[in-house]
Amino acid sequence: MSRVLIIAAAEFEQAVRSRAFLIGLLAVPLLMALAFGIQALTARRDTSERRFAIVDRTGVLGPAIVEAARRHGIEQTSPSGRRTGPSFLPEIAATDGGTDESTRLGLSDRVRRDELFAFVEIPAEVLSTSGTDEPRLQYYTQYPTYQALPEWLRREVSRAVADRRLSSLGADPSETRRLLEPVPMDRKGLVVRTADGKVSTAEKVDAVRTFVMPAVTMFMLFGLVMSSAPQLLNSVIEEKTSRISEVLLGSVSAFHLMLGKLLGSGAVTMVLAVIYIGGGLLIAAQADYFGLIRWSLIPWFGLFLVIAVFLFGSMFIAIGAACSEVKDAQGMMMPAMVLAMFPIFLWLQVVQNPDSAMSVGFSLFPFASPYLMLLRMAIPPGPPAWQVVLALAGSVATTVAMVYAAGRILRVGLLMQGKTASYREMARWIMAK
């Protein structure tokens, strides 16, 4: 066992001294900061003026849209006078003396010359209170992906049309709008009876606790595993091609060599986990979300992290032992990558419905359990205890079997040079006595 620890210590020291470790140490916080920074910049970026024309076939809605644009401009300006969003500058297009086609062509030419950003055509039938065919607004632009202006126009024209229709029926638009105001709803948990017999007040559901925290927890686990496990493949191939592995096998068995590599990789991953979790706690404290942290989840995070590192690490070690070059391993590692990334395609469905049959079934699948079961545990109130125990038992059993199989493959594969083994050969190595 002492030789296993020596190998683990050597792997750990080699990893933490490498540039890859430093890059991995800084990459996640830098990427997170970059993502938040880009989001903040893009949120403030669109402060330009969007000039558009209104082709008002009704003859009465144009002034209402102009007034709505004026109010919108005031709302998009801070008290200090700084613009915080886009401003919309409308003009009512003249429609006299020309056909509809000539009007549209003339305005389209102005859009092409960048005199206008877009123009909207409001049909005369839009004010009708009868009929089955609902008239539609026609929005023309050469920038169809820009959504702020057409969405604003749809909302404001709909409001103006509703006011006109209500007025024509003798109703007060402002009073009707007040009566039709949607009723707000607060989402809360369940009421419980405390130990002293009192009935507690149900807490308001926090989106950070129910969505953001679980997602961050699972993706942090995934990032830590994928930052360490695939590196074992490169390490094995490098030692194999340089024949260092032959020297190592003269002093230690293949299984002990693999176990030392897994322990070293696990130690590196745990160091990264401590750093990332510590940084996350500091960020949560600064953002006033410290009270939302479920401390009981941290030990489970560490346990599932160790299981995932050993499970996927042994898979990559086996692939590295079966290959002679990295380019040969790229094709063989595809099934392992699919298994490793499989939970990423399901996490949103699991968050939205953590107790569905699909969520329960896939969270019990050993290769997905470390991710999806941890994700379900992070969502209040969490899965039943028997599901957690079953997922843990299945993951541990699968990990033990995978470590054993990888050890058998490593024993033969390290000494094989110049050839890449097939999956059939790898299976034969596992079954060989």
Protein backbone atom coordinates (compact mmCIF):
# COMPACT_ATOMS: atom_id res chain seq x y z
CA MET A 1 0.00 0.00 0.00
CA SER A 2 2.92 2.33 0.64
CA ARG A 3 3.91 2.04 -3.03
CA VAL A 4 0.40 3.04 -4.05
CA LEU A 5 0.65 6.15 -1.89
CA ILE A 6 4.06 6.97 -3.35
CA ILE A 7 2.60 6.77 -6.87
CA ALA A 8 -0.38 8.86 -5.79
CA ALA A 9 1.90 11.49 -4.25
CA ALA A 10 4.03 11.59 -7.41
CA GLU A 11 0.94 11.96 -9.60
CA PHE A 12 -0.38 14.71 -7.34
CA GLU A 13 2.91 16.60 -7.31
CA GLN A 14 3.31 16.30 -11.06
CA ALA A 15 -0.24 17.54 -11.62
CA VAL A 16 -0.15 20.57 -9.32
CA ARG A 17 3.16 21.72 -10.79
CA SER A 18 1.90 21.60 -14.36
CA ARG A 19 0.53 24.48 -16.37
CA ALA A 20 -2.67 22.52 -16.93
CA PHE A 21 -3.40 22.62 -13.21
CA LEU A 22 -2.90 26.37 -13.03
CA ILE A 23 -5.04 26.85 -16.13
CA GLY A 24 -7.74 24.60 -14.69
CA LEU A 25 -7.52 26.42 -11.36
CA LEU A 26 -8.14 29.78 -12.98
CA ALA A 27 -10.28 28.75 -15.93
CA VAL A 28 -13.59 28.16 -14.14
CA PRO A 29 -13.67 31.41 -12.12
CA LEU A 30 -12.42 33.36 -15.13
CA LEU A 31 -15.04 31.84 -17.40
CA MET A 32 -17.76 32.52 -14.83
CA ALA A 33 -16.59 36.11 -14.41
CA LEU A 34 -16.39 36.48 -18.19
CA ALA A 35 -19.90 35.10 -18.63
CA PHE A 36 -21.37 37.44 -16.01
CA GLY A 37 -19.36 40.35 -17.43
CA ILE A 38 -20.53 39.73 -20.99
CA GLN A 39 -24.09 39.39 -19.76
CA ALA A 40 -23.84 42.69 -17.89
CA LEU A 41 -22.25 44.44 -20.86
CA THR A 42 -24.78 43.15 -23.35
CA ALA A 43 -27.60 44.14 -21.03
CA ARG A 44 -26.34 47.72 -21.13
CA ARG A 45 -25.06 47.71 -24.67
CA ASP A 46 -28.25 48.39 -26.62
CA THR A 47 -28.74 52.09 -25.92
CA SER A 48 -29.00 53.18 -29.53
CA GLU A 49 -31.83 55.08 -31.18
CA ARG A 50 -34.15 53.02 -33.37
CA ARG A 51 -35.99 55.25 -35.82
CA PHE A 52 -39.02 53.65 -37.45
CA ALA A 53 -42.01 54.68 -39.53
CA ILE A 54 -45.68 53.96 -38.87
CA VAL A 55 -47.99 53.31 -41.80
CA ASP A 56 -51.26 53.90 -39.98
CA ARG A 57 -54.20 52.73 -42.11
CA THR A 58 -56.58 53.45 -39.22
CA GLY A 59 -55.69 57.14 -39.12
CA VAL A 60 -56.02 57.27 -35.32
CA LEU A 61 -53.46 54.92 -33.76
CA GLY A 62 -50.30 56.71 -34.91
CA PRO A 63 -50.37 59.47 -32.24
CA ALA A 64 -50.90 56.88 -29.50
CA ILE A 65 -47.77 54.99 -30.63
CA VAL A 66 -45.80 58.24 -30.75
CA GLU A 67 -46.85 59.05 -27.18
CA ALA A 68 -45.98 55.52 -26.04
CA ALA A 69 -42.51 55.91 -27.59
CA ARG A 70 -42.04 59.18 -25.69
CA ARG A 71 -42.91 57.48 -22.39
CA HIS A 72 -40.61 54.59 -23.25
CA GLY A 73 -37.73 57.00 -23.81
CA ILE A 74 -38.28 58.54 -20.38
CA GLU A 75 -38.36 55.09 -18.76
CA GLN A 76 -35.08 54.15 -20.47
CA THR A 77 -33.27 57.18 -19.04
CA SER A 78 -31.74 57.18 -15.56
CA PRO A 79 -32.16 60.14 -13.15
CA SER A 80 -28.62 61.20 -14.04
CA GLY A 81 -29.59 61.44 -17.71
CA ARG A 82 -27.74 58.29 -18.83
CA ARG A 83 -29.61 56.10 -21.27
CA THR A 84 -30.17 52.58 -19.93
CA GLY A 85 -31.90 51.04 -22.94
CA PRO A 86 -32.87 51.62 -26.55
CA SER A 87 -35.03 54.58 -27.49
CA PHE A 88 -37.62 54.31 -30.25
CA LEU A 89 -38.15 57.34 -32.49
CA PRO A 90 -41.34 56.99 -34.56
CA GLU A 91 -42.57 59.01 -37.48
CA ILE A 92 -45.97 58.73 -39.11
CA ALA A 93 -45.48 57.98 -42.80
CA ALA A 94 -47.59 59.85 -45.34
CA THR A 95 -49.81 57.52 -47.36
CA ASP A 96 -51.58 60.03 -49.62
CA GLY A 97 -50.97 60.09 -53.35
CA GLY A 98 -49.50 56.62 -53.76
CA THR A 99 -50.36 52.95 -53.81
CA ASP A 100 -49.65 50.60 -50.95
CA GLU A 101 -46.83 49.00 -52.94
CA SER A 102 -45.15 52.32 -53.67
CA THR A 103 -45.38 53.31 -50.00
CA ARG A 104 -43.78 50.05 -48.89
CA LEU A 105 -41.07 50.32 -51.55
CA GLY A 106 -40.24 53.89 -50.58
CA LEU A 107 -39.96 53.02 -46.90
CA SER A 108 -37.91 49.90 -47.71
CA ASP A 109 -35.48 52.08 -49.65
CA ARG A 110 -35.16 54.35 -46.63
CA VAL A 111 -34.40 51.32 -44.45
CA ARG A 112 -31.73 50.22 -46.91
CA ARG A 113 -30.19 53.71 -46.75
CA ASP A 114 -30.20 53.45 -42.92
CA GLU A 115 -32.56 56.40 -42.63
CA LEU A 116 -34.97 54.07 -40.85
CA PHE A 117 -34.40 50.93 -38.81
CA ALA A 118 -37.80 49.47 -39.70
CA PHE A 119 -41.41 50.35 -40.48
CA VAL A 120 -44.69 48.89 -39.32
CA GLU A 121 -48.00 48.78 -41.17
CA ILE A 122 -51.21 48.89 -39.13
CA PRO A 123 -54.22 47.67 -41.14
CA ALA A 124 -57.48 49.61 -40.95
CA GLU A 125 -59.42 46.49 -39.93
CA VAL A 126 -57.47 46.24 -36.68
CA LEU A 127 -60.08 48.38 -34.85
CA SER A 128 -62.98 46.18 -35.87
CA THR A 129 -64.85 44.53 -32.99
CA SER A 130 -66.43 41.88 -35.20
CA GLY A 131 -65.25 39.27 -37.63
CA THR A 132 -63.35 36.03 -37.31
CA ASP A 133 -60.17 36.90 -39.21
CA GLU A 134 -57.93 38.88 -36.88
CA PRO A 135 -55.89 41.47 -38.84
CA ARG A 136 -52.15 41.31 -38.32
CA LEU A 137 -49.47 43.97 -38.00
CA GLN A 138 -46.83 43.92 -40.73
CA TYR A 139 -43.29 44.65 -39.55
CA TYR A 140 -40.59 45.30 -42.18
CA THR A 141 -36.85 45.40 -41.43
CA GLN A 142 -33.50 44.17 -42.68
CA TYR A 143 -32.58 43.14 -39.13
CA PRO A 144 -35.09 40.36 -38.38
CA THR A 145 -33.18 39.03 -35.36
CA TYR A 146 -33.60 42.26 -33.38
CA GLN A 147 -36.51 41.63 -31.00
CA ALA A 148 -36.83 44.71 -28.77
CA LEU A 149 -38.60 46.98 -31.27
CA PRO A 150 -41.11 44.48 -32.76
CA GLU A 151 -42.01 43.16 -29.30
CA TRP A 152 -42.53 46.69 -28.02
CA LEU A 153 -44.63 47.57 -31.07
CA ARG A 154 -46.79 44.47 -30.71
CA ARG A 155 -47.42 45.28 -27.05
CA GLU A 156 -48.14 49.00 -27.49
CA VAL A 157 -50.27 48.65 -30.63
CA SER A 158 -52.29 45.93 -28.90
CA ARG A 159 -52.84 48.24 -25.93
CA ALA A 160 -53.90 51.15 -28.17
CA VAL A 161 -56.23 48.92 -30.20
CA ALA A 162 -57.81 47.53 -27.03
CA ASP A 163 -58.42 51.05 -25.73
CA ARG A 164 -60.09 52.07 -29.00
CA ARG A 165 -62.24 48.95 -29.12
CA LEU A 166 -63.36 49.42 -25.52
CA SER A 167 -64.17 53.08 -26.13
CA SER A 168 -66.27 52.16 -29.16
CA LEU A 169 -68.28 49.81 -26.94
CA GLY A 170 -68.83 52.51 -24.32
CA ALA A 171 -66.36 51.14 -21.75
CA ASP A 172 -63.67 53.10 -19.92
CA PRO A 173 -60.29 51.72 -21.11
CA SER A 174 -58.35 52.64 -17.95
CA GLU A 175 -60.99 51.17 -15.65
CA THR A 176 -61.30 48.03 -17.76
CA ARG A 177 -57.52 47.60 -17.77
CA ARG A 178 -57.49 47.88 -13.98
CA LEU A 179 -60.23 45.27 -13.67
CA LEU A 180 -58.37 42.90 -16.00
CA GLU A 181 -55.04 43.30 -14.21
CA PRO A 182 -53.61 39.80 -13.56
CA VAL A 183 -53.50 38.61 -9.97
CA PRO A 184 -49.90 38.15 -8.74
CA MET A 185 -48.92 34.85 -7.17
CA ASP A 186 -46.25 33.99 -4.61
CA ARG A 187 -44.78 30.49 -4.70
CA LYS A 188 -44.25 29.01 -1.27
CA GLY A 189 -43.25 25.76 0.35
CA LEU A 190 -45.36 23.74 2.78
CA VAL A 191 -46.52 24.69 6.26
CA VAL A 192 -45.00 22.46 8.96
CA ARG A 193 -45.42 21.99 12.69
CA THR A 194 -42.28 22.77 14.69
CA ALA A 195 -40.91 20.74 17.60
CA ASP A 196 -42.63 23.00 20.14
CA GLY A 197 -46.02 22.41 18.50
CA LYS A 198 -46.30 25.72 16.68
CA VAL A 199 -47.27 25.97 13.03
CA SER A 200 -44.55 27.69 11.04
CA THR A 201 -45.16 30.13 8.22
CA ALA A 202 -44.45 28.73 4.77
CA GLU A 203 -41.32 30.21 3.22
CA LYS A 204 -41.39 31.90 -0.16
CA VAL A 205 -39.73 29.80 -2.86
CA ASP A 206 -36.44 31.32 -3.97
CA ALA A 207 -35.41 30.77 -7.59
CA VAL A 208 -31.75 30.78 -6.57
CA ARG A 209 -32.28 27.89 -4.16
CA THR A 210 -34.57 25.86 -6.42
CA PHE A 211 -32.83 26.37 -9.76
CA VAL A 212 -29.49 28.18 -9.68
CA MET A 213 -27.92 26.36 -6.72
CA PRO A 214 -28.74 22.84 -8.01
CA ALA A 215 -27.48 23.70 -11.50
CA VAL A 216 -24.25 25.23 -10.17
CA THR A 217 -23.70 22.19 -7.93
CA MET A 218 -24.06 19.68 -10.75
CA PHE A 219 -22.02 21.63 -13.30
CA MET A 220 -19.26 22.19 -10.75
CA LEU A 221 -19.10 18.43 -10.19
CA PHE A 222 -19.06 17.81 -13.93
CA GLY A 223 -16.33 20.39 -14.51
CA LEU A 224 -14.13 18.95 -11.77
CA VAL A 225 -14.46 15.40 -13.08
CA MET A 226 -13.79 16.36 -16.68
CA SER A 227 -10.79 18.46 -15.69
CA SER A 228 -9.04 15.45 -14.14
CA ALA A 229 -10.31 12.13 -15.52
CA PRO A 230 -9.37 12.65 -19.21
CA GLN A 231 -5.87 13.70 -18.15
CA LEU A 232 -5.28 10.14 -16.95
CA LEU A 233 -5.60 8.92 -20.54
CA ASN A 234 -2.81 11.23 -21.70
CA SER A 235 -0.67 10.25 -18.70
CA VAL A 236 -0.97 6.53 -19.43
CA ILE A 237 -0.24 6.94 -23.15
CA GLU A 238 2.76 9.16 -22.42
CA GLU A 239 4.24 6.65 -19.97
CA LYS A 240 3.49 3.82 -22.35
CA THR A 241 5.15 5.38 -25.40
CA SER A 242 8.21 6.45 -23.39
CA ARG A 243 8.37 2.95 -21.83
CA ILE A 244 8.34 4.40 -18.32
CA SER A 245 5.44 2.07 -17.57
CA GLU A 246 7.66 -0.97 -18.13
CA VAL A 247 10.03 0.29 -15.46
CA LEU A 248 7.14 0.98 -13.09
CA LEU A 249 5.69 -2.49 -13.63
CA GLY A 250 9.00 -3.91 -12.45
CA SER A 251 8.35 -2.40 -9.02
CA VAL A 252 4.58 -2.42 -8.64
CA SER A 253 1.64 -4.33 -10.05
CA ALA A 254 -0.54 -2.86 -12.77
CA PHE A 255 -3.51 -2.64 -10.41
CA HIS A 256 -1.52 -0.76 -7.77
CA LEU A 257 -0.15 1.55 -10.46
CA MET A 258 -3.66 2.35 -11.61
CA LEU A 259 -4.89 2.79 -8.03
CA GLY A 260 -2.07 5.24 -7.33
CA LYS A 261 -2.97 7.24 -10.42
CA LEU A 262 -6.62 7.35 -9.40
CA LEU A 263 -5.76 8.45 -5.86
CA GLY A 264 -3.44 11.15 -7.16
CA SER A 265 -6.05 12.40 -9.61
CA GLY A 266 -8.69 12.31 -6.88
CA ALA A 267 -6.46 14.36 -4.58
CA VAL A 268 -5.96 17.00 -7.27
CA THR A 269 -9.70 17.12 -7.88
CA MET A 270 -10.42 17.51 -4.16
CA VAL A 271 -7.99 20.43 -3.95
CA LEU A 272 -9.77 22.11 -6.84
CA ALA A 273 -13.13 21.35 -5.22
CA VAL A 274 -12.08 22.98 -1.94
CA ILE A 275 -10.90 26.08 -3.80
CA TYR A 276 -14.03 26.34 -5.95
CA ILE A 277 -16.43 25.67 -3.08
CA GLY A 278 -14.61 28.20 -0.92
CA GLY A 279 -14.83 30.77 -3.70
CA GLY A 280 -18.49 29.96 -4.20
CA LEU A 281 -19.21 30.46 -0.50
CA LEU A 282 -17.51 33.85 -0.59
CA ILE A 283 -19.56 34.88 -3.63
CA ALA A 284 -22.76 33.64 -1.94
CA ALA A 285 -21.92 35.64 1.18
CA GLN A 286 -21.30 38.79 -0.85
CA ALA A 287 -24.56 38.30 -2.78
CA ASP A 288 -26.52 37.71 0.45
CA TYR A 289 -27.30 34.10 -0.49
CA PHE A 290 -25.24 32.51 2.28
CA GLY A 291 -28.38 31.44 4.13
CA LEU A 292 -29.61 29.49 1.11
CA ILE A 293 -26.68 27.06 1.15
CA ARG A 294 -27.54 23.49 2.16
CA TRP A 295 -24.52 22.49 4.20
CA SER A 296 -25.62 18.85 4.36
CA LEU A 297 -25.05 18.66 0.60
CA ILE A 298 -21.30 19.33 0.78
CA PRO A 299 -20.34 15.84 2.12
CA TRP A 300 -22.49 14.25 -0.57
CA PHE A 301 -20.78 16.43 -3.15
CA GLY A 302 -17.38 15.15 -1.99
CA LEU A 303 -18.57 11.53 -1.97
CA PHE A 304 -20.08 11.65 -5.45
CA LEU A 305 -17.00 13.51 -6.68
CA VAL A 306 -14.70 10.69 -5.52
CA ILE A 307 -16.99 8.08 -7.08
CA ALA A 308 -17.15 9.93 -10.41
CA VAL A 309 -13.37 10.45 -10.53
CA PHE A 310 -12.70 6.75 -9.90
CA LEU A 311 -15.48 5.64 -12.26
CA PHE A 312 -14.59 7.77 -15.26
CA GLY A 313 -10.88 7.92 -14.44
CA SER A 314 -10.60 4.13 -14.62
CA MET A 315 -12.42 4.20 -17.98
CA PHE A 316 -9.92 6.67 -19.42
CA ILE A 317 -6.99 4.72 -17.96
CA ALA A 318 -8.25 1.57 -19.68
CA ILE A 319 -8.59 3.40 -23.00
CA GLY A 320 -5.10 4.86 -22.65
CA ALA A 321 -3.64 1.41 -21.95
CA ALA A 322 -5.31 -0.02 -25.05
CA CYS A 323 -3.92 2.68 -27.37
CA SER A 324 -0.42 3.52 -28.51
CA GLU A 325 -1.06 7.10 -29.65
CA VAL A 326 -3.38 9.90 -28.60
CA LYS A 327 -5.00 10.06 -32.05
CA ASP A 328 -5.98 6.39 -31.73
CA ALA A 329 -7.53 7.09 -28.33
CA GLN A 330 -9.72 9.90 -29.67
CA GLY A 331 -11.98 7.46 -31.47
CA MET A 332 -12.11 4.95 -28.64
CA MET A 333 -12.92 7.53 -25.99
CA MET A 334 -16.18 8.56 -27.68
CA PRO A 335 -18.35 6.05 -25.72
CA ALA A 336 -16.72 7.19 -22.47
CA MET A 337 -17.37 10.84 -23.32
CA VAL A 338 -21.00 10.06 -24.18
CA LEU A 339 -21.46 8.38 -20.79
CA ALA A 340 -19.73 11.27 -19.03
CA MET A 341 -21.78 13.96 -20.79
CA PHE A 342 -25.06 12.05 -20.84
CA PRO A 343 -26.46 13.76 -17.68
CA ILE A 344 -25.79 17.21 -19.15
CA PHE A 345 -28.50 16.62 -21.74
CA LEU A 346 -31.05 15.75 -19.04
CA TRP A 347 -30.39 18.21 -16.24
CA LEU A 348 -33.03 20.76 -17.25
CA GLN A 349 -35.78 18.14 -17.40
CA VAL A 350 -34.67 16.81 -14.01
CA VAL A 351 -34.74 20.30 -12.45
CA GLN A 352 -38.22 20.98 -13.80
CA ASN A 353 -39.64 17.65 -12.65
CA PRO A 354 -37.25 15.93 -10.21
CA ASP A 355 -39.73 13.25 -9.13
CA SER A 356 -40.81 12.09 -12.57
CA ALA A 357 -40.20 8.52 -13.66
CA MET A 358 -37.54 9.71 -16.11
CA SER A 359 -35.69 11.70 -13.44
CA VAL A 360 -35.79 8.85 -10.94
CA GLY A 361 -34.77 6.24 -13.51
CA PHE A 362 -31.80 8.12 -14.93
CA SER A 363 -30.62 9.25 -11.48
CA LEU A 364 -30.36 5.54 -10.58
CA PHE A 365 -28.30 4.79 -13.70
CA PRO A 366 -24.78 4.28 -12.25
CA PHE A 367 -22.95 6.42 -14.82
CA ALA A 368 -25.40 9.31 -14.28
CA SER A 369 -26.06 8.89 -10.55
CA PRO A 370 -23.18 11.08 -9.31
CA TYR A 371 -24.56 14.00 -11.31
CA LEU A 372 -28.33 13.57 -11.44
CA MET A 373 -28.84 12.22 -7.92
CA LEU A 374 -26.79 15.09 -6.52
CA LEU A 375 -28.88 17.45 -8.64
CA ARG A 376 -32.11 16.00 -7.22
CA MET A 377 -30.72 16.20 -3.70
CA ALA A 378 -30.02 19.90 -4.21
CA ILE A 379 -33.67 20.56 -5.12
CA PRO A 380 -35.91 20.84 -2.02
CA PRO A 381 -37.23 18.65 -0.51
CA GLY A 382 -34.95 16.09 -2.17
CA PRO A 383 -35.47 12.45 -3.19
CA PRO A 384 -36.47 9.67 -0.76
CA ALA A 385 -33.61 8.16 1.24
CA TRP A 386 -33.98 4.75 -0.40
CA GLN A 387 -33.33 6.25 -3.83
CA VAL A 388 -30.17 7.95 -2.59
CA VAL A 389 -28.94 4.71 -1.00
CA LEU A 390 -29.78 2.71 -4.13
CA ALA A 391 -28.01 5.20 -6.40
CA LEU A 392 -24.98 5.24 -4.11
CA ALA A 393 -24.83 1.44 -3.97
CA GLY A 394 -25.18 1.13 -7.74
CA SER A 395 -22.50 3.74 -8.37
CA VAL A 396 -20.06 2.17 -5.91
CA ALA A 397 -20.62 -1.33 -7.33
CA THR A 398 -20.16 -0.08 -10.90
CA THR A 399 -17.04 1.85 -9.90
CA VAL A 400 -15.51 -1.21 -8.24
CA ALA A 401 -16.25 -3.30 -11.33
CA MET A 402 -14.84 -0.61 -13.62
CA VAL A 403 -11.67 -0.26 -11.54
CA TYR A 404 -11.19 -4.03 -11.59
CA ALA A 405 -11.75 -4.19 -15.37
CA ALA A 406 -9.41 -1.26 -15.99
CA GLY A 407 -6.73 -2.95 -13.89
CA ARG A 408 -6.97 -6.09 -16.01
CA ILE A 409 -6.75 -4.06 -19.21
CA LEU A 410 -3.83 -2.04 -17.88
CA ARG A 411 -1.89 -5.19 -17.01
CA VAL A 412 -1.81 -6.30 -20.65
CA GLY A 413 -2.15 -3.01 -22.48
CA LEU A 414 0.89 -1.28 -20.95
CA LEU A 415 3.22 -3.86 -22.44
CA MET A 416 1.62 -3.77 -25.89
CA GLN A 417 3.41 -1.44 -28.31
CA GLY A 418 2.54 -0.24 -31.81
CA LYS A 419 -1.02 -1.52 -31.83
CA THR A 420 -4.42 -0.32 -30.66
CA ALA A 421 -6.60 -2.96 -29.09
CA SER A 422 -10.22 -3.42 -30.11
CA TYR A 423 -13.11 -3.55 -27.67
CA ARG A 424 -13.27 -7.32 -28.20
CA GLU A 425 -9.61 -7.69 -27.23
CA MET A 426 -10.14 -5.52 -24.16
CA ALA A 427 -13.07 -7.72 -23.11
CA ARG A 428 -10.86 -10.80 -23.57
CA TRP A 429 -8.17 -9.25 -21.35
CA ILE A 430 -10.75 -8.65 -18.62
CA MET A 431 -11.98 -12.25 -18.72
CA ALA A 432 -8.52 -13.83 -18.98
CA LYS A 433 -7.31 -15.72 -15.91
